[in-house]
Amino acid sequence: MSELPHIQNSSYREILIEHLLVGEIMRRLWLRGITQFEVLKPQVDDSGYDLVLEANGFVRHVQLKSSFDTAVTGQVKASLKLLSKPSACVLWVRFDPQTFALGPFLWFGGGPGERLPDITDFRVARHTRGDSNGVKKERPNQRFIPRSKFSKLMGFNELVSQLFGEFPSAAV
């Protein structure tokens, strides 16, 4: 399969990745005995996060990013608004463009109940497209987070533990 469908239908692809991710997180929680959890989506995408996940007594505001598992992307943008959330994180989902297998994951955030590390000193992001003069203006409320600041999580078990802490596990 070429990269063309990924480019032409990137919004659909992002939703597909989100659904696969949330479904697998829910499955792992269930198998660990957490059968009550919440998944919330904001009506408007201007608060800096894509999902709110609640389980095991923790609420996570999650900014999702994604890229092919072979991509060499060196940074992602995140909103300063995430700093106001009690336990926000940025989750960079790497995926196989042929099979949509998810992982590994790149994690930027604190432990459950901890605030997002300060990003105010990171480089200010710019718009991806230029104005009528070709100038890419700064986005003062957005920062680039370098890939080197992310921790690598190899699979869903590690991701669920990072999101919601350790709790009795079953065979997953």
N, C-alpha and C. Protein backbone atom coordinates (compact mmCIF):
# COMPACT_ATOMS: atom_id res chain seq x y z
N MET A 1 0.85 -1.18 0.00
CA MET A 1 0.00 0.00 0.00
C MET A 1 0.89 1.24 0.00
N SER A 2 0.52 2.22 -0.80
CA SER A 2 1.30 3.44 -0.86
C SER A 2 0.95 4.35 0.32
N GLU A 3 1.71 5.41 0.47
CA GLU A 3 1.44 6.39 1.53
C GLU A 3 0.32 7.33 1.15
N LEU A 4 -0.13 7.30 -0.11
CA LEU A 4 -1.14 8.23 -0.58
C LEU A 4 -2.43 8.21 0.25
N PRO A 5 -3.01 7.03 0.56
CA PRO A 5 -4.22 7.06 1.40
C PRO A 5 -3.96 7.68 2.78
N HIS A 6 -2.77 7.49 3.31
CA HIS A 6 -2.44 8.08 4.62
C HIS A 6 -2.42 9.60 4.54
N ILE A 7 -1.99 10.12 3.40
CA ILE A 7 -1.92 11.57 3.21
C ILE A 7 -3.31 12.13 2.90
N GLN A 8 -4.01 11.50 1.97
CA GLN A 8 -5.31 12.00 1.54
C GLN A 8 -6.39 11.85 2.62
N ASN A 9 -6.26 10.87 3.46
CA ASN A 9 -7.29 10.57 4.46
C ASN A 9 -6.73 10.61 5.87
N SER A 10 -5.86 11.55 6.14
CA SER A 10 -5.16 11.57 7.43
C SER A 10 -6.12 11.76 8.61
N SER A 11 -7.20 12.49 8.44
CA SER A 11 -8.16 12.67 9.54
C SER A 11 -8.82 11.35 9.90
N TYR A 12 -9.18 10.56 8.90
CA TYR A 12 -9.77 9.25 9.15
C TYR A 12 -8.76 8.32 9.80
N ARG A 13 -7.52 8.40 9.34
CA ARG A 13 -6.47 7.57 9.91
C ARG A 13 -6.27 7.89 11.38
N GLU A 14 -6.28 9.17 11.73
CA GLU A 14 -6.09 9.55 13.13
C GLU A 14 -7.21 9.00 14.01
N ILE A 15 -8.44 9.03 13.51
CA ILE A 15 -9.57 8.49 14.27
C ILE A 15 -9.43 6.98 14.42
N LEU A 16 -9.00 6.31 13.36
CA LEU A 16 -8.79 4.86 13.42
C LEU A 16 -7.75 4.52 14.48
N ILE A 17 -6.64 5.23 14.48
CA ILE A 17 -5.59 4.98 15.47
C ILE A 17 -6.12 5.24 16.88
N GLU A 18 -6.87 6.31 17.04
CA GLU A 18 -7.45 6.61 18.36
C GLU A 18 -8.36 5.49 18.84
N HIS A 19 -9.22 4.99 17.96
CA HIS A 19 -10.14 3.91 18.34
C HIS A 19 -9.38 2.63 18.68
N LEU A 20 -8.40 2.29 17.87
CA LEU A 20 -7.60 1.09 18.16
C LEU A 20 -6.89 1.22 19.50
N LEU A 21 -6.32 2.40 19.75
CA LEU A 21 -5.61 2.66 20.99
C LEU A 21 -6.54 2.56 22.20
N VAL A 22 -7.65 3.26 22.15
CA VAL A 22 -8.58 3.27 23.27
C VAL A 22 -9.14 1.87 23.52
N GLY A 23 -9.49 1.15 22.46
CA GLY A 23 -10.00 -0.21 22.61
C GLY A 23 -9.01 -1.12 23.30
N GLU A 24 -7.76 -1.01 22.93
CA GLU A 24 -6.74 -1.87 23.55
C GLU A 24 -6.47 -1.46 24.99
N ILE A 25 -6.48 -0.17 25.29
CA ILE A 25 -6.32 0.28 26.68
C ILE A 25 -7.48 -0.25 27.52
N MET A 26 -8.70 -0.15 27.00
CA MET A 26 -9.87 -0.64 27.73
C MET A 26 -9.77 -2.14 27.97
N ARG A 27 -9.32 -2.87 26.96
CA ARG A 27 -9.17 -4.33 27.11
C ARG A 27 -8.17 -4.65 28.21
N ARG A 28 -7.04 -3.95 28.21
CA ARG A 28 -6.00 -4.21 29.23
C ARG A 28 -6.50 -3.85 30.62
N LEU A 29 -7.24 -2.77 30.74
CA LEU A 29 -7.81 -2.41 32.04
C LEU A 29 -8.77 -3.49 32.52
N TRP A 30 -9.65 -3.94 31.64
CA TRP A 30 -10.62 -4.97 31.99
C TRP A 30 -9.92 -6.22 32.47
N LEU A 31 -8.91 -6.65 31.76
CA LEU A 31 -8.18 -7.86 32.14
C LEU A 31 -7.41 -7.70 33.44
N ARG A 32 -7.17 -6.47 33.86
CA ARG A 32 -6.52 -6.22 35.15
C ARG A 32 -7.54 -6.02 36.26
N GLY A 33 -8.81 -6.20 35.94
CA GLY A 33 -9.84 -6.07 36.96
C GLY A 33 -10.45 -4.69 37.07
N ILE A 34 -10.04 -3.77 36.23
CA ILE A 34 -10.62 -2.42 36.22
C ILE A 34 -11.73 -2.44 35.18
N THR A 35 -12.96 -2.66 35.65
CA THR A 35 -14.09 -2.80 34.72
C THR A 35 -14.92 -1.53 34.62
N GLN A 36 -14.55 -0.51 35.40
CA GLN A 36 -15.22 0.78 35.28
C GLN A 36 -14.17 1.82 34.97
N PHE A 37 -14.32 2.45 33.85
CA PHE A 37 -13.39 3.47 33.38
C PHE A 37 -14.15 4.42 32.48
N GLU A 38 -13.59 5.58 32.24
CA GLU A 38 -14.25 6.56 31.38
C GLU A 38 -13.32 6.99 30.27
N VAL A 39 -13.92 7.22 29.11
CA VAL A 39 -13.22 7.77 27.96
C VAL A 39 -14.06 8.96 27.49
N LEU A 40 -13.47 10.14 27.52
CA LEU A 40 -14.19 11.35 27.15
C LEU A 40 -13.44 12.07 26.03
N LYS A 41 -14.21 12.72 25.17
CA LYS A 41 -13.63 13.51 24.08
C LYS A 41 -14.15 14.93 24.17
N PRO A 42 -13.28 15.91 24.01
CA PRO A 42 -13.76 17.29 24.00
C PRO A 42 -14.57 17.58 22.74
N GLN A 43 -15.55 18.44 22.84
CA GLN A 43 -16.36 18.84 21.68
C GLN A 43 -15.55 19.68 20.71
N VAL A 44 -14.65 20.49 21.25
CA VAL A 44 -13.85 21.40 20.44
C VAL A 44 -12.38 21.10 20.72
N ASP A 45 -11.58 21.10 19.67
CA ASP A 45 -10.16 20.78 19.81
C ASP A 45 -9.35 22.06 20.03
N ASP A 46 -9.53 22.67 21.20
CA ASP A 46 -8.73 23.86 21.48
C ASP A 46 -8.17 23.88 22.90
N SER A 47 -8.29 22.78 23.59
CA SER A 47 -7.82 22.72 24.97
C SER A 47 -6.48 22.00 25.11
N GLY A 48 -5.93 21.55 24.01
CA GLY A 48 -4.61 20.94 24.05
C GLY A 48 -4.62 19.44 24.23
N TYR A 49 -5.78 18.82 24.36
CA TYR A 49 -5.82 17.37 24.53
C TYR A 49 -6.88 16.78 23.62
N ASP A 50 -6.72 15.48 23.32
CA ASP A 50 -7.63 14.77 22.44
C ASP A 50 -8.58 13.86 23.19
N LEU A 51 -8.14 13.37 24.34
CA LEU A 51 -8.93 12.42 25.12
C LEU A 51 -8.76 12.70 26.60
N VAL A 52 -9.77 12.31 27.36
CA VAL A 52 -9.65 12.26 28.81
C VAL A 52 -9.94 10.81 29.18
N LEU A 53 -8.99 10.18 29.85
CA LEU A 53 -9.13 8.80 30.29
C LEU A 53 -9.12 8.78 31.81
N GLU A 54 -10.06 8.04 32.40
CA GLU A 54 -10.10 7.92 33.85
C GLU A 54 -10.19 6.45 34.23
N ALA A 55 -9.28 6.03 35.09
CA ALA A 55 -9.28 4.66 35.61
C ALA A 55 -8.38 4.60 36.83
N ASN A 56 -8.67 3.65 37.71
CA ASN A 56 -7.82 3.40 38.87
C ASN A 56 -7.61 4.65 39.72
N GLY A 57 -8.59 5.57 39.71
CA GLY A 57 -8.50 6.77 40.53
C GLY A 57 -7.71 7.91 39.90
N PHE A 58 -7.32 7.78 38.64
CA PHE A 58 -6.53 8.82 37.97
C PHE A 58 -7.25 9.31 36.72
N VAL A 59 -7.15 10.62 36.51
CA VAL A 59 -7.71 11.24 35.31
C VAL A 59 -6.53 11.73 34.48
N ARG A 60 -6.51 11.34 33.21
CA ARG A 60 -5.44 11.73 32.30
C ARG A 60 -5.99 12.52 31.12
N HIS A 61 -5.48 13.72 30.91
CA HIS A 61 -5.76 14.49 29.70
C HIS A 61 -4.64 14.14 28.73
N VAL A 62 -5.00 13.53 27.62
CA VAL A 62 -4.02 12.95 26.71
C VAL A 62 -4.01 13.69 25.38
N GLN A 63 -2.86 14.21 25.03
CA GLN A 63 -2.65 14.75 23.68
C GLN A 63 -2.05 13.63 22.85
N LEU A 64 -2.74 13.25 21.78
CA LEU A 64 -2.27 12.16 20.92
C LEU A 64 -1.52 12.71 19.72
N LYS A 65 -0.43 12.06 19.41
CA LYS A 65 0.34 12.30 18.19
C LYS A 65 0.58 10.94 17.58
N SER A 66 0.79 10.89 16.28
CA SER A 66 1.08 9.60 15.66
C SER A 66 2.00 9.78 14.48
N SER A 67 2.74 8.74 14.19
CA SER A 67 3.58 8.72 13.00
C SER A 67 3.94 7.28 12.67
N PHE A 68 4.32 7.05 11.43
CA PHE A 68 4.75 5.72 11.02
C PHE A 68 5.87 5.25 11.92
N ASP A 69 5.95 3.95 12.14
CA ASP A 69 7.01 3.42 13.01
C ASP A 69 8.40 3.63 12.42
N THR A 70 8.49 3.91 11.13
CA THR A 70 9.79 4.15 10.49
C THR A 70 10.10 5.63 10.30
N ALA A 71 9.17 6.50 10.67
CA ALA A 71 9.34 7.95 10.47
C ALA A 71 10.48 8.47 11.34
N VAL A 72 11.17 9.47 10.83
CA VAL A 72 12.29 10.05 11.57
C VAL A 72 11.91 11.41 12.18
N THR A 73 10.64 11.66 12.32
CA THR A 73 10.14 12.91 12.90
C THR A 73 10.87 13.19 14.21
N GLY A 74 11.38 14.40 14.35
CA GLY A 74 12.19 14.72 15.51
C GLY A 74 11.49 15.47 16.62
N GLN A 75 10.23 15.88 16.39
CA GLN A 75 9.54 16.67 17.40
C GLN A 75 8.05 16.68 17.11
N VAL A 76 7.27 17.02 18.13
CA VAL A 76 5.83 17.23 17.98
C VAL A 76 5.44 18.50 18.72
N LYS A 77 4.31 19.05 18.34
CA LYS A 77 3.80 20.26 18.98
C LYS A 77 2.84 19.89 20.11
N ALA A 78 2.86 20.70 21.15
CA ALA A 78 1.92 20.53 22.26
C ALA A 78 1.52 21.91 22.77
N SER A 79 0.31 21.98 23.27
CA SER A 79 -0.25 23.23 23.78
C SER A 79 0.19 23.49 25.22
N LEU A 80 0.45 24.74 25.51
CA LEU A 80 0.76 25.13 26.89
C LEU A 80 -0.44 24.91 27.81
N LYS A 81 -1.65 24.80 27.24
CA LYS A 81 -2.85 24.57 28.05
C LYS A 81 -2.77 23.24 28.80
N LEU A 82 -1.96 22.31 28.31
CA LEU A 82 -1.81 21.03 29.01
C LEU A 82 -1.23 21.22 30.40
N LEU A 83 -0.45 22.28 30.58
CA LEU A 83 0.17 22.51 31.89
C LEU A 83 -0.86 22.78 32.98
N SER A 84 -2.06 23.19 32.61
CA SER A 84 -3.08 23.49 33.61
C SER A 84 -3.87 22.25 34.02
N LYS A 85 -3.64 21.14 33.36
CA LYS A 85 -4.37 19.91 33.68
C LYS A 85 -3.59 19.13 34.74
N PRO A 86 -4.29 18.49 35.68
CA PRO A 86 -3.60 17.87 36.82
C PRO A 86 -2.71 16.68 36.48
N SER A 87 -2.95 16.00 35.40
CA SER A 87 -2.15 14.82 35.09
C SER A 87 -2.09 14.59 33.58
N ALA A 88 -1.76 15.66 32.86
CA ALA A 88 -1.72 15.60 31.40
C ALA A 88 -0.49 14.86 30.91
N CYS A 89 -0.58 14.40 29.66
CA CYS A 89 0.55 13.73 29.04
C CYS A 89 0.43 13.87 27.53
N VAL A 90 1.54 13.65 26.85
CA VAL A 90 1.57 13.59 25.40
C VAL A 90 1.96 12.17 25.04
N LEU A 91 1.12 11.52 24.27
CA LEU A 91 1.35 10.14 23.85
C LEU A 91 1.54 10.13 22.35
N TRP A 92 2.74 9.74 21.94
CA TRP A 92 3.11 9.69 20.53
C TRP A 92 3.03 8.22 20.12
N VAL A 93 2.03 7.90 19.33
CA VAL A 93 1.78 6.52 18.91
C VAL A 93 2.52 6.26 17.60
N ARG A 94 3.40 5.30 17.64
CA ARG A 94 4.08 4.85 16.42
C ARG A 94 3.27 3.67 15.89
N PHE A 95 3.13 3.57 14.58
CA PHE A 95 2.31 2.49 14.03
C PHE A 95 2.84 2.02 12.69
N ASP A 96 2.51 0.79 12.38
CA ASP A 96 2.88 0.19 11.10
C ASP A 96 1.85 0.65 10.07
N PRO A 97 2.27 1.33 9.00
CA PRO A 97 1.29 1.85 8.04
C PRO A 97 0.61 0.77 7.21
N GLN A 98 1.16 -0.43 7.19
CA GLN A 98 0.56 -1.53 6.43
C GLN A 98 -0.51 -2.26 7.23
N THR A 99 -0.24 -2.49 8.53
CA THR A 99 -1.13 -3.33 9.34
C THR A 99 -1.88 -2.55 10.43
N PHE A 100 -1.46 -1.34 10.69
CA PHE A 100 -1.97 -0.51 11.77
C PHE A 100 -1.70 -1.12 13.14
N ALA A 101 -0.70 -1.99 13.23
CA ALA A 101 -0.26 -2.46 14.54
C ALA A 101 0.33 -1.25 15.27
N LEU A 102 -0.08 -1.06 16.52
CA LEU A 102 0.35 0.11 17.29
C LEU A 102 1.53 -0.21 18.18
N GLY A 103 2.44 0.72 18.29
CA GLY A 103 3.60 0.60 19.16
C GLY A 103 4.87 0.51 18.34
N PRO A 104 5.96 0.87 18.99
CA PRO A 104 6.07 1.32 20.37
C PRO A 104 5.44 2.71 20.55
N PHE A 105 5.37 3.11 21.81
CA PHE A 105 4.78 4.39 22.17
C PHE A 105 5.86 5.29 22.73
N LEU A 106 5.75 6.57 22.46
CA LEU A 106 6.65 7.55 23.05
C LEU A 106 5.84 8.37 24.03
N TRP A 107 6.37 8.51 25.24
CA TRP A 107 5.63 9.10 26.37
C TRP A 107 6.32 10.35 26.87
N PHE A 108 5.53 11.41 27.04
CA PHE A 108 6.01 12.63 27.69
C PHE A 108 4.97 13.01 28.74
N GLY A 109 5.35 12.88 29.98
CA GLY A 109 4.43 13.19 31.07
C GLY A 109 4.99 12.66 32.37
N GLY A 110 4.28 12.93 33.43
CA GLY A 110 4.66 12.42 34.73
C GLY A 110 3.94 11.13 35.03
N GLY A 111 4.13 10.65 36.22
CA GLY A 111 3.42 9.46 36.67
C GLY A 111 1.96 9.79 36.94
N PRO A 112 1.16 8.79 37.23
CA PRO A 112 -0.25 9.06 37.54
C PRO A 112 -0.37 10.06 38.68
N GLY A 113 -1.18 11.08 38.48
CA GLY A 113 -1.36 12.12 39.48
C GLY A 113 -0.32 13.23 39.45
N GLU A 114 0.67 13.12 38.58
CA GLU A 114 1.72 14.13 38.48
C GLU A 114 1.47 15.04 37.29
N ARG A 115 1.90 16.27 37.42
CA ARG A 115 1.74 17.24 36.33
C ARG A 115 2.71 16.95 35.19
N LEU A 116 2.35 17.48 34.03
CA LEU A 116 3.21 17.43 32.85
C LEU A 116 4.50 18.20 33.16
N PRO A 117 5.65 17.69 32.78
CA PRO A 117 6.87 18.48 32.95
C PRO A 117 6.74 19.83 32.22
N ASP A 118 7.39 20.83 32.75
CA ASP A 118 7.29 22.18 32.19
C ASP A 118 7.82 22.21 30.75
N ILE A 119 7.02 22.78 29.86
CA ILE A 119 7.43 22.88 28.45
C ILE A 119 7.59 24.34 28.02
N THR A 120 7.45 25.27 28.95
CA THR A 120 7.47 26.69 28.57
C THR A 120 8.79 27.13 27.96
N ASP A 121 9.90 26.48 28.31
CA ASP A 121 11.19 26.87 27.76
C ASP A 121 11.54 26.17 26.45
N PHE A 122 10.66 25.27 25.99
CA PHE A 122 10.90 24.62 24.71
C PHE A 122 10.66 25.63 23.58
N ARG A 123 11.16 25.32 22.42
CA ARG A 123 11.06 26.21 21.26
C ARG A 123 9.60 26.46 20.89
N VAL A 124 9.26 27.72 20.63
CA VAL A 124 7.91 28.11 20.23
C VAL A 124 7.62 27.53 18.85
N ALA A 125 6.44 26.93 18.71
CA ALA A 125 6.04 26.31 17.44
C ALA A 125 5.61 27.39 16.45
N ARG A 126 5.63 27.00 15.19
CA ARG A 126 5.16 27.87 14.11
C ARG A 126 4.06 27.17 13.34
N HIS A 127 3.26 27.96 12.67
CA HIS A 127 2.23 27.40 11.79
C HIS A 127 2.92 26.57 10.70
N THR A 128 2.24 25.53 10.25
CA THR A 128 2.83 24.69 9.20
C THR A 128 2.74 25.34 7.83
N ARG A 129 1.78 26.25 7.66
CA ARG A 129 1.63 26.94 6.38
C ARG A 129 1.90 28.42 6.57
N GLY A 130 2.47 29.00 5.55
CA GLY A 130 2.77 30.42 5.59
C GLY A 130 1.56 31.27 5.30
N ASP A 131 1.64 32.54 5.68
CA ASP A 131 0.57 33.48 5.35
C ASP A 131 0.70 33.88 3.87
N SER A 132 0.01 34.92 3.46
CA SER A 132 0.04 35.32 2.05
C SER A 132 1.43 35.71 1.57
N ASN A 133 2.31 36.04 2.50
CA ASN A 133 3.69 36.39 2.15
C ASN A 133 4.65 35.21 2.34
N GLY A 134 4.10 34.05 2.70
CA GLY A 134 4.94 32.88 2.91
C GLY A 134 5.56 32.80 4.30
N VAL A 135 5.22 33.71 5.18
CA VAL A 135 5.78 33.75 6.52
C VAL A 135 5.01 32.78 7.43
N LYS A 136 5.74 31.90 8.07
CA LYS A 136 5.14 30.97 9.03
C LYS A 136 5.20 31.62 10.40
N LYS A 137 4.06 32.09 10.84
CA LYS A 137 4.01 32.85 12.09
C LYS A 137 4.11 31.92 13.30
N GLU A 138 4.62 32.51 14.38
CA GLU A 138 4.74 31.76 15.64
C GLU A 138 3.36 31.46 16.21
N ARG A 139 3.31 30.37 16.94
CA ARG A 139 2.11 30.00 17.70
C ARG A 139 2.51 30.08 19.17
N PRO A 140 2.32 31.21 19.82
CA PRO A 140 2.87 31.45 21.16
C PRO A 140 2.40 30.47 22.23
N ASN A 141 1.26 29.83 22.02
CA ASN A 141 0.75 28.88 23.02
C ASN A 141 1.09 27.44 22.69
N GLN A 142 1.96 27.23 21.71
CA GLN A 142 2.39 25.89 21.31
C GLN A 142 3.90 25.78 21.44
N ARG A 143 4.36 24.61 21.85
CA ARG A 143 5.79 24.36 21.95
C ARG A 143 6.13 23.07 21.22
N PHE A 144 7.34 23.04 20.66
CA PHE A 144 7.86 21.82 20.09
C PHE A 144 8.50 21.00 21.21
N ILE A 145 8.10 19.75 21.32
CA ILE A 145 8.74 18.85 22.29
C ILE A 145 9.63 17.91 21.48
N PRO A 146 10.95 17.97 21.72
CA PRO A 146 11.87 17.11 20.97
C PRO A 146 11.67 15.63 21.32
N ARG A 147 11.86 14.80 20.35
CA ARG A 147 11.72 13.36 20.54
C ARG A 147 12.60 12.85 21.67
N SER A 148 13.74 13.48 21.85
CA SER A 148 14.69 13.05 22.89
C SER A 148 14.12 13.21 24.30
N LYS A 149 13.06 13.98 24.46
CA LYS A 149 12.44 14.19 25.78
C LYS A 149 11.40 13.13 26.11
N PHE A 150 11.08 12.29 25.14
CA PHE A 150 10.08 11.24 25.33
C PHE A 150 10.73 9.96 25.83
N SER A 151 9.99 9.21 26.61
CA SER A 151 10.41 7.87 27.05
C SER A 151 9.75 6.86 26.11
N LYS A 152 10.45 5.80 25.83
CA LYS A 152 9.91 4.76 24.95
C LYS A 152 9.22 3.68 25.77
N LEU A 153 7.97 3.39 25.41
CA LEU A 153 7.20 2.32 26.03
C LEU A 153 6.97 1.27 24.95
N MET A 154 7.33 0.04 25.25
CA MET A 154 7.31 -0.99 24.20
C MET A 154 5.93 -1.55 23.89
N GLY A 155 5.04 -1.59 24.85
CA GLY A 155 3.75 -2.23 24.57
C GLY A 155 2.63 -1.66 25.41
N PHE A 156 1.44 -2.23 25.22
CA PHE A 156 0.26 -1.73 25.91
C PHE A 156 0.30 -1.94 27.41
N ASN A 157 0.88 -3.02 27.89
CA ASN A 157 0.95 -3.22 29.35
C ASN A 157 1.75 -2.10 30.00
N GLU A 158 2.88 -1.77 29.40
CA GLU A 158 3.71 -0.69 29.92
C GLU A 158 2.97 0.65 29.82
N LEU A 159 2.24 0.86 28.74
CA LEU A 159 1.48 2.10 28.56
C LEU A 159 0.39 2.24 29.62
N VAL A 160 -0.38 1.19 29.85
CA VAL A 160 -1.46 1.24 30.84
C VAL A 160 -0.90 1.50 32.23
N SER A 161 0.23 0.89 32.56
CA SER A 161 0.86 1.15 33.86
C SER A 161 1.33 2.59 33.97
N GLN A 162 1.85 3.14 32.89
CA GLN A 162 2.32 4.52 32.90
C GLN A 162 1.13 5.48 33.06
N LEU A 163 0.02 5.15 32.41
CA LEU A 163 -1.17 6.00 32.52
C LEU A 163 -1.81 5.95 33.90
N PHE A 164 -1.97 4.73 34.44
CA PHE A 164 -2.82 4.55 35.62
C PHE A 164 -2.14 3.87 36.80
N GLY A 165 -0.87 3.64 36.74
CA GLY A 165 -0.15 3.05 37.86
C GLY A 165 -0.25 1.53 37.87
N GLU A 166 0.37 0.97 38.86
CA GLU A 166 0.36 -0.49 39.02
C GLU A 166 -0.85 -0.91 39.82
N PHE A 167 -1.45 -2.00 39.43
CA PHE A 167 -2.56 -2.60 40.17
C PHE A 167 -2.57 -4.07 39.83
N PRO A 168 -3.33 -4.84 40.55
CA PRO A 168 -3.31 -6.29 40.32
C PRO A 168 -3.51 -6.61 38.85
N SER A 169 -2.62 -7.43 38.32
CA SER A 169 -2.73 -7.76 36.90
C SER A 169 -3.18 -9.20 36.72
N ALA A 170 -3.80 -9.42 35.63
CA ALA A 170 -4.22 -10.76 35.22
C ALA A 170 -3.39 -11.14 34.00
N ALA A 171 -3.67 -12.27 33.45
CA ALA A 171 -2.94 -12.70 32.25
C ALA A 171 -3.37 -11.85 31.07
N VAL A 172 -2.48 -10.94 30.65
CA VAL A 172 -2.77 -10.09 29.48
C VAL A 172 -1.68 -10.22 28.45
